[in-house]
Amino acid sequence: MKKTKIVVLLILCSAFFTLAFGQNCSAAFVNDKIVVDEYTTTGKCVLPASTTGLLTVQTAELSPEKSIPTGKLSFQIAIRHEQLNTLRMYSKDTYRQIAIEKVLEKCQKGDHIVLLMLEEGYALPHHEILVQ
C-alpha cells in the first residue's frame, strides 16, 4: 500500500506541476540519500543534529524501492526558529551543495531548515527539514 501511494503521488506531482505550473519535482538529499521519509503529501523531513555530509537539492528517479539523485539544483537556505517562529536567511549565498554540519551549527533542536528553490521550472514539495 505504501509503495502504491508513493508511485501515485510521484505521477500526480509530476503531472500536476508540469501541466499546471510547468514545474518538475525535486527532493533534498544528504549524501545522495533522500531526506523525506516518504515522497507523499504526508512525508516528513527530519535530521538528527549530529548529521554529517553534503546537503543537495536534486532532481531524482523516484520509485518505491529507491531514490536516485540525477542532477543538482541551485538553492538557498533559511532557518525557522522553533520557539519564535521567525525566519532568517542562513546566508545570501546560493548553493548546489553544502556540508549539512555547517548549517546545523546555526540550528537548535526543533528548528527547521528551509530550502528555497532558485531554478525556474522546479518545485520542492518537502522544503522544510526538522532538526532533532
N, C-alpha and C. Protein backbone atom coordinates (compact mmCIF):
# COMPACT_ATOMS: atom_id res chain seq x y z
N MET A 1 0.82 -1.20 0.00
CA MET A 1 0.00 0.00 0.00
C MET A 1 0.87 1.27 0.00
N LYS A 2 1.93 1.28 0.84
CA LYS A 2 2.81 2.43 0.91
C LYS A 2 3.49 2.68 -0.43
N LYS A 3 3.93 1.59 -1.08
CA LYS A 3 4.58 1.72 -2.38
C LYS A 3 3.62 2.28 -3.42
N THR A 4 2.38 1.85 -3.38
CA THR A 4 1.37 2.34 -4.31
C THR A 4 1.12 3.82 -4.11
N LYS A 5 1.03 4.26 -2.85
CA LYS A 5 0.83 5.68 -2.55
C LYS A 5 1.98 6.52 -3.08
N ILE A 6 3.20 6.03 -2.93
CA ILE A 6 4.37 6.77 -3.41
C ILE A 6 4.33 6.90 -4.92
N VAL A 7 4.07 5.82 -5.61
CA VAL A 7 4.03 5.85 -7.08
C VAL A 7 2.93 6.79 -7.56
N VAL A 8 1.76 6.70 -6.95
CA VAL A 8 0.65 7.56 -7.35
C VAL A 8 1.00 9.03 -7.11
N LEU A 9 1.59 9.34 -5.95
CA LEU A 9 1.96 10.73 -5.67
C LEU A 9 3.01 11.23 -6.65
N LEU A 10 3.98 10.40 -6.96
CA LEU A 10 5.03 10.80 -7.92
C LEU A 10 4.42 11.13 -9.28
N ILE A 11 3.52 10.30 -9.72
CA ILE A 11 2.88 10.54 -11.01
C ILE A 11 2.03 11.80 -10.95
N LEU A 12 1.24 11.94 -9.88
CA LEU A 12 0.39 13.12 -9.75
C LEU A 12 1.21 14.40 -9.59
N CYS A 13 2.25 14.33 -8.77
CA CYS A 13 3.10 15.51 -8.57
C CYS A 13 3.72 15.95 -9.88
N SER A 14 4.31 15.01 -10.57
CA SER A 14 4.95 15.32 -11.84
C SER A 14 3.95 15.88 -12.85
N ALA A 15 2.82 15.23 -12.98
CA ALA A 15 1.81 15.68 -13.94
C ALA A 15 1.23 17.03 -13.54
N PHE A 16 0.89 17.20 -12.27
CA PHE A 16 0.29 18.44 -11.80
C PHE A 16 1.22 19.63 -11.99
N PHE A 17 2.44 19.50 -11.48
CA PHE A 17 3.37 20.63 -11.57
C PHE A 17 3.80 20.90 -13.00
N THR A 18 3.96 19.87 -13.81
CA THR A 18 4.36 20.08 -15.19
C THR A 18 3.25 20.75 -15.99
N LEU A 19 2.02 20.25 -15.84
CA LEU A 19 0.91 20.81 -16.61
C LEU A 19 0.45 22.16 -16.06
N ALA A 20 0.29 22.26 -14.76
CA ALA A 20 -0.27 23.47 -14.17
C ALA A 20 0.74 24.61 -14.09
N PHE A 21 1.95 24.28 -13.73
CA PHE A 21 2.93 25.34 -13.49
C PHE A 21 4.18 25.21 -14.34
N GLY A 22 4.26 24.19 -15.16
CA GLY A 22 5.47 23.96 -15.94
C GLY A 22 6.65 23.62 -15.05
N GLN A 23 6.40 22.93 -13.91
CA GLN A 23 7.45 22.62 -12.96
C GLN A 23 7.65 21.13 -12.80
N ASN A 24 8.89 20.76 -12.49
CA ASN A 24 9.25 19.38 -12.20
C ASN A 24 9.55 19.26 -10.72
N CYS A 25 9.33 18.10 -10.15
CA CYS A 25 9.56 17.89 -8.72
C CYS A 25 11.03 17.58 -8.45
N SER A 26 11.47 17.97 -7.26
CA SER A 26 12.82 17.69 -6.81
C SER A 26 12.75 17.29 -5.34
N ALA A 27 13.90 16.92 -4.78
CA ALA A 27 13.94 16.48 -3.39
C ALA A 27 15.28 16.85 -2.77
N ALA A 28 15.29 16.95 -1.43
CA ALA A 28 16.52 17.19 -0.68
C ALA A 28 17.20 15.86 -0.40
N PHE A 29 18.53 15.87 -0.48
CA PHE A 29 19.34 14.68 -0.22
C PHE A 29 20.49 15.04 0.71
N VAL A 30 20.89 14.11 1.56
CA VAL A 30 22.15 14.20 2.31
C VAL A 30 22.95 12.97 1.93
N ASN A 31 24.13 13.21 1.37
CA ASN A 31 24.98 12.11 0.87
C ASN A 31 24.21 11.21 -0.09
N ASP A 32 23.45 11.83 -0.99
CA ASP A 32 22.68 11.12 -2.01
C ASP A 32 21.60 10.20 -1.45
N LYS A 33 21.21 10.41 -0.18
CA LYS A 33 20.09 9.68 0.43
C LYS A 33 18.96 10.69 0.62
N ILE A 34 17.79 10.37 0.10
CA ILE A 34 16.66 11.30 0.17
C ILE A 34 16.33 11.58 1.64
N VAL A 35 16.00 12.83 1.95
CA VAL A 35 15.74 13.24 3.33
C VAL A 35 14.31 12.89 3.76
N VAL A 36 13.35 13.08 2.88
CA VAL A 36 11.96 12.82 3.24
C VAL A 36 11.75 11.32 3.49
N ASP A 37 10.95 11.01 4.52
CA ASP A 37 10.73 9.59 4.86
C ASP A 37 9.86 8.88 3.83
N GLU A 38 8.93 9.59 3.22
CA GLU A 38 8.17 9.05 2.10
C GLU A 38 7.73 10.21 1.23
N TYR A 39 7.88 10.05 -0.06
CA TYR A 39 7.57 11.12 -1.00
C TYR A 39 6.07 11.13 -1.28
N THR A 40 5.31 11.56 -0.25
CA THR A 40 3.86 11.66 -0.34
C THR A 40 3.46 13.00 0.27
N THR A 41 2.19 13.30 0.27
CA THR A 41 1.73 14.56 0.86
C THR A 41 1.89 14.57 2.38
N THR A 42 2.09 13.41 2.99
CA THR A 42 2.27 13.35 4.44
C THR A 42 3.72 13.06 4.83
N GLY A 43 4.63 13.04 3.87
CA GLY A 43 6.03 12.76 4.14
C GLY A 43 6.65 13.81 5.05
N LYS A 44 7.60 13.38 5.89
CA LYS A 44 8.29 14.25 6.85
C LYS A 44 9.79 14.24 6.59
N CYS A 45 10.40 15.42 6.75
CA CYS A 45 11.85 15.55 6.63
C CYS A 45 12.40 15.84 8.02
N VAL A 46 13.20 14.94 8.54
CA VAL A 46 13.77 15.08 9.88
C VAL A 46 15.23 14.64 9.82
N LEU A 47 16.11 15.44 10.44
CA LEU A 47 17.52 15.07 10.55
C LEU A 47 17.98 15.24 11.99
N PRO A 48 18.77 14.30 12.50
CA PRO A 48 19.39 14.50 13.81
C PRO A 48 20.39 15.66 13.74
N ALA A 49 20.57 16.36 14.84
CA ALA A 49 21.51 17.49 14.89
C ALA A 49 22.94 17.04 14.64
N SER A 50 23.21 15.75 14.76
CA SER A 50 24.56 15.21 14.57
C SER A 50 24.83 14.76 13.14
N THR A 51 23.91 14.99 12.21
CA THR A 51 24.06 14.55 10.82
C THR A 51 25.27 15.21 10.17
N THR A 52 25.99 14.46 9.37
CA THR A 52 27.12 15.00 8.60
C THR A 52 26.95 14.59 7.14
N GLY A 53 27.60 15.34 6.27
CA GLY A 53 27.55 15.01 4.85
C GLY A 53 27.14 16.20 4.01
N LEU A 54 26.92 15.96 2.73
CA LEU A 54 26.57 17.02 1.80
C LEU A 54 25.07 17.11 1.59
N LEU A 55 24.52 18.28 1.83
CA LEU A 55 23.11 18.57 1.56
C LEU A 55 23.01 19.08 0.13
N THR A 56 22.11 18.48 -0.64
CA THR A 56 21.84 18.92 -2.00
C THR A 56 20.34 18.91 -2.24
N VAL A 57 19.92 19.65 -3.26
CA VAL A 57 18.56 19.55 -3.79
C VAL A 57 18.75 19.06 -5.21
N GLN A 58 18.05 17.96 -5.55
CA GLN A 58 18.28 17.35 -6.85
C GLN A 58 16.99 16.85 -7.48
N THR A 59 17.03 16.78 -8.80
CA THR A 59 16.01 16.01 -9.49
C THR A 59 16.33 14.56 -9.17
N ALA A 60 15.35 13.68 -9.36
CA ALA A 60 15.61 12.30 -8.96
C ALA A 60 14.75 11.32 -9.72
N GLU A 61 15.27 10.11 -9.82
CA GLU A 61 14.48 8.97 -10.26
C GLU A 61 13.91 8.38 -8.98
N LEU A 62 12.59 8.49 -8.82
CA LEU A 62 11.96 8.03 -7.59
C LEU A 62 11.07 6.83 -7.88
N SER A 63 11.22 5.82 -7.06
CA SER A 63 10.37 4.64 -7.15
C SER A 63 10.16 4.13 -5.72
N PRO A 64 9.23 3.22 -5.53
CA PRO A 64 9.01 2.69 -4.18
C PRO A 64 10.25 2.00 -3.60
N GLU A 65 11.14 1.49 -4.45
CA GLU A 65 12.30 0.76 -3.98
C GLU A 65 13.51 1.64 -3.71
N LYS A 66 13.66 2.74 -4.46
CA LYS A 66 14.87 3.56 -4.31
C LYS A 66 14.64 4.98 -4.80
N SER A 67 15.53 5.84 -4.38
CA SER A 67 15.53 7.25 -4.80
C SER A 67 16.94 7.58 -5.27
N ILE A 68 17.08 7.81 -6.56
CA ILE A 68 18.40 8.06 -7.13
C ILE A 68 18.48 9.52 -7.57
N PRO A 69 19.39 10.30 -6.96
CA PRO A 69 19.55 11.69 -7.39
C PRO A 69 20.13 11.75 -8.80
N THR A 70 19.60 12.68 -9.61
CA THR A 70 20.03 12.73 -11.00
C THR A 70 20.60 14.08 -11.44
N GLY A 71 20.52 15.10 -10.61
CA GLY A 71 21.07 16.38 -11.03
C GLY A 71 20.88 17.45 -9.97
N LYS A 72 21.97 18.11 -9.59
CA LYS A 72 21.94 19.13 -8.54
C LYS A 72 21.29 20.41 -9.05
N LEU A 73 20.50 21.03 -8.17
CA LEU A 73 19.83 22.29 -8.46
C LEU A 73 20.30 23.36 -7.48
N SER A 74 20.20 24.60 -7.88
CA SER A 74 20.59 25.72 -7.01
C SER A 74 19.52 25.99 -5.96
N PHE A 75 19.96 26.33 -4.74
CA PHE A 75 19.03 26.63 -3.67
C PHE A 75 19.66 27.58 -2.67
N GLN A 76 18.83 28.20 -1.85
CA GLN A 76 19.28 28.99 -0.72
C GLN A 76 18.70 28.37 0.53
N ILE A 77 19.21 28.81 1.68
CA ILE A 77 18.82 28.21 2.95
C ILE A 77 18.36 29.30 3.92
N ALA A 78 17.26 29.02 4.59
CA ALA A 78 16.81 29.85 5.70
C ALA A 78 16.60 28.92 6.89
N ILE A 79 16.55 29.50 8.08
CA ILE A 79 16.31 28.72 9.29
C ILE A 79 15.11 29.32 10.00
N ARG A 80 14.14 28.45 10.30
CA ARG A 80 12.95 28.89 11.04
C ARG A 80 13.13 28.48 12.49
N HIS A 81 13.21 29.50 13.36
CA HIS A 81 13.41 29.28 14.79
C HIS A 81 12.14 28.67 15.39
N GLU A 82 12.29 27.58 16.10
CA GLU A 82 11.14 26.83 16.61
C GLU A 82 10.32 27.63 17.62
N GLN A 83 10.94 28.25 18.59
CA GLN A 83 10.20 28.93 19.66
C GLN A 83 9.57 30.24 19.20
N LEU A 84 10.28 31.00 18.39
CA LEU A 84 9.78 32.31 17.97
C LEU A 84 9.05 32.28 16.64
N ASN A 85 9.19 31.19 15.90
CA ASN A 85 8.61 31.05 14.57
C ASN A 85 9.08 32.15 13.62
N THR A 86 10.32 32.60 13.82
CA THR A 86 10.91 33.60 12.94
C THR A 86 11.76 32.91 11.87
N LEU A 87 11.87 33.55 10.74
CA LEU A 87 12.62 33.00 9.62
C LEU A 87 13.79 33.93 9.33
N ARG A 88 14.99 33.36 9.22
CA ARG A 88 16.16 34.16 8.88
C ARG A 88 16.99 33.41 7.84
N MET A 89 17.62 34.18 6.98
CA MET A 89 18.47 33.58 5.96
C MET A 89 19.72 33.01 6.62
N TYR A 90 20.13 31.85 6.16
CA TYR A 90 21.39 31.26 6.62
C TYR A 90 22.55 32.10 6.09
N SER A 91 22.47 32.46 4.82
CA SER A 91 23.43 33.36 4.18
C SER A 91 22.81 33.85 2.88
N LYS A 92 23.48 34.77 2.22
CA LYS A 92 23.00 35.26 0.93
C LYS A 92 23.50 34.39 -0.22
N ASP A 93 24.32 33.42 0.10
CA ASP A 93 24.92 32.57 -0.92
C ASP A 93 23.90 31.62 -1.55
N THR A 94 24.21 31.22 -2.76
CA THR A 94 23.45 30.21 -3.47
C THR A 94 24.29 28.94 -3.47
N TYR A 95 23.65 27.81 -3.24
CA TYR A 95 24.36 26.55 -3.12
C TYR A 95 23.85 25.53 -4.13
N ARG A 96 24.73 24.62 -4.49
CA ARG A 96 24.36 23.40 -5.19
C ARG A 96 24.65 22.22 -4.28
N GLN A 97 25.50 22.47 -3.28
CA GLN A 97 25.76 21.52 -2.22
C GLN A 97 26.41 22.27 -1.07
N ILE A 98 26.19 21.79 0.17
CA ILE A 98 26.80 22.39 1.35
C ILE A 98 26.93 21.32 2.42
N ALA A 99 27.97 21.41 3.22
CA ALA A 99 28.13 20.48 4.34
C ALA A 99 27.00 20.75 5.34
N ILE A 100 26.16 19.76 5.58
CA ILE A 100 25.00 19.94 6.44
C ILE A 100 25.41 20.31 7.86
N GLU A 101 26.58 19.87 8.31
CA GLU A 101 27.02 20.21 9.67
C GLU A 101 27.23 21.71 9.85
N LYS A 102 27.60 22.43 8.77
CA LYS A 102 27.74 23.89 8.85
C LYS A 102 26.39 24.55 9.09
N VAL A 103 25.36 24.04 8.44
CA VAL A 103 24.01 24.58 8.63
C VAL A 103 23.49 24.23 10.02
N LEU A 104 23.72 22.99 10.44
CA LEU A 104 23.23 22.54 11.74
C LEU A 104 23.88 23.29 12.90
N GLU A 105 25.09 23.82 12.69
CA GLU A 105 25.75 24.62 13.74
C GLU A 105 24.92 25.84 14.12
N LYS A 106 24.15 26.35 13.17
CA LYS A 106 23.34 27.55 13.40
C LYS A 106 21.92 27.22 13.86
N CYS A 107 21.64 25.93 14.05
CA CYS A 107 20.30 25.48 14.42
C CYS A 107 20.27 24.95 15.85
N GLN A 108 19.08 25.01 16.42
CA GLN A 108 18.82 24.35 17.70
C GLN A 108 17.81 23.25 17.41
N LYS A 109 17.73 22.28 18.31
CA LYS A 109 16.73 21.22 18.15
C LYS A 109 15.35 21.85 18.11
N GLY A 110 14.54 21.41 17.16
CA GLY A 110 13.20 21.96 16.97
C GLY A 110 13.13 22.99 15.86
N ASP A 111 14.28 23.54 15.46
CA ASP A 111 14.31 24.48 14.34
C ASP A 111 14.06 23.73 13.04
N HIS A 112 13.74 24.48 11.99
CA HIS A 112 13.55 23.90 10.66
C HIS A 112 14.54 24.54 9.70
N ILE A 113 15.19 23.73 8.91
CA ILE A 113 16.00 24.21 7.79
C ILE A 113 15.03 24.34 6.63
N VAL A 114 14.96 25.54 6.04
CA VAL A 114 14.03 25.81 4.95
C VAL A 114 14.84 25.96 3.66
N LEU A 115 14.54 25.14 2.68
CA LEU A 115 15.24 25.17 1.41
C LEU A 115 14.42 25.96 0.40
N LEU A 116 15.06 26.94 -0.23
CA LEU A 116 14.39 27.83 -1.17
C LEU A 116 14.91 27.54 -2.58
N MET A 117 14.01 27.14 -3.45
CA MET A 117 14.38 26.83 -4.83
C MET A 117 14.65 28.12 -5.60
N LEU A 118 15.67 28.09 -6.44
CA LEU A 118 16.03 29.24 -7.26
C LEU A 118 15.88 28.99 -8.74
N GLU A 119 15.92 27.73 -9.12
CA GLU A 119 15.86 27.40 -10.54
C GLU A 119 14.42 27.33 -11.00
N GLU A 120 14.13 28.06 -12.04
CA GLU A 120 12.77 28.09 -12.58
C GLU A 120 12.40 26.72 -13.14
N GLY A 121 11.15 26.36 -12.95
CA GLY A 121 10.66 25.11 -13.50
C GLY A 121 10.73 23.93 -12.55
N TYR A 122 11.19 24.14 -11.29
CA TYR A 122 11.30 23.05 -10.34
C TYR A 122 10.54 23.38 -9.06
N ALA A 123 9.83 22.40 -8.55
CA ALA A 123 9.12 22.53 -7.28
C ALA A 123 9.82 21.63 -6.25
N LEU A 124 9.77 22.03 -4.99
CA LEU A 124 10.35 21.24 -3.91
C LEU A 124 9.26 21.03 -2.86
N PRO A 125 8.46 19.98 -3.02
CA PRO A 125 7.31 19.77 -2.12
C PRO A 125 7.71 19.63 -0.64
N HIS A 126 8.85 19.02 -0.35
CA HIS A 126 9.29 18.81 1.03
C HIS A 126 10.47 19.72 1.30
N HIS A 127 10.18 20.99 1.57
CA HIS A 127 11.23 22.02 1.64
C HIS A 127 11.67 22.38 3.06
N GLU A 128 11.02 21.82 4.08
CA GLU A 128 11.40 22.10 5.48
C GLU A 128 11.91 20.83 6.13
N ILE A 129 13.08 20.95 6.80
CA ILE A 129 13.70 19.82 7.47
C ILE A 129 13.76 20.11 8.96
N LEU A 130 13.10 19.29 9.76
CA LEU A 130 13.10 19.44 11.21
C LEU A 130 14.43 18.95 11.77
N VAL A 131 15.03 19.75 12.65
CA VAL A 131 16.28 19.37 13.32
C VAL A 131 15.93 18.74 14.67
N GLN A 132 16.39 17.50 14.88
CA GLN A 132 16.13 16.82 16.15
C GLN A 132 17.40 16.59 16.91
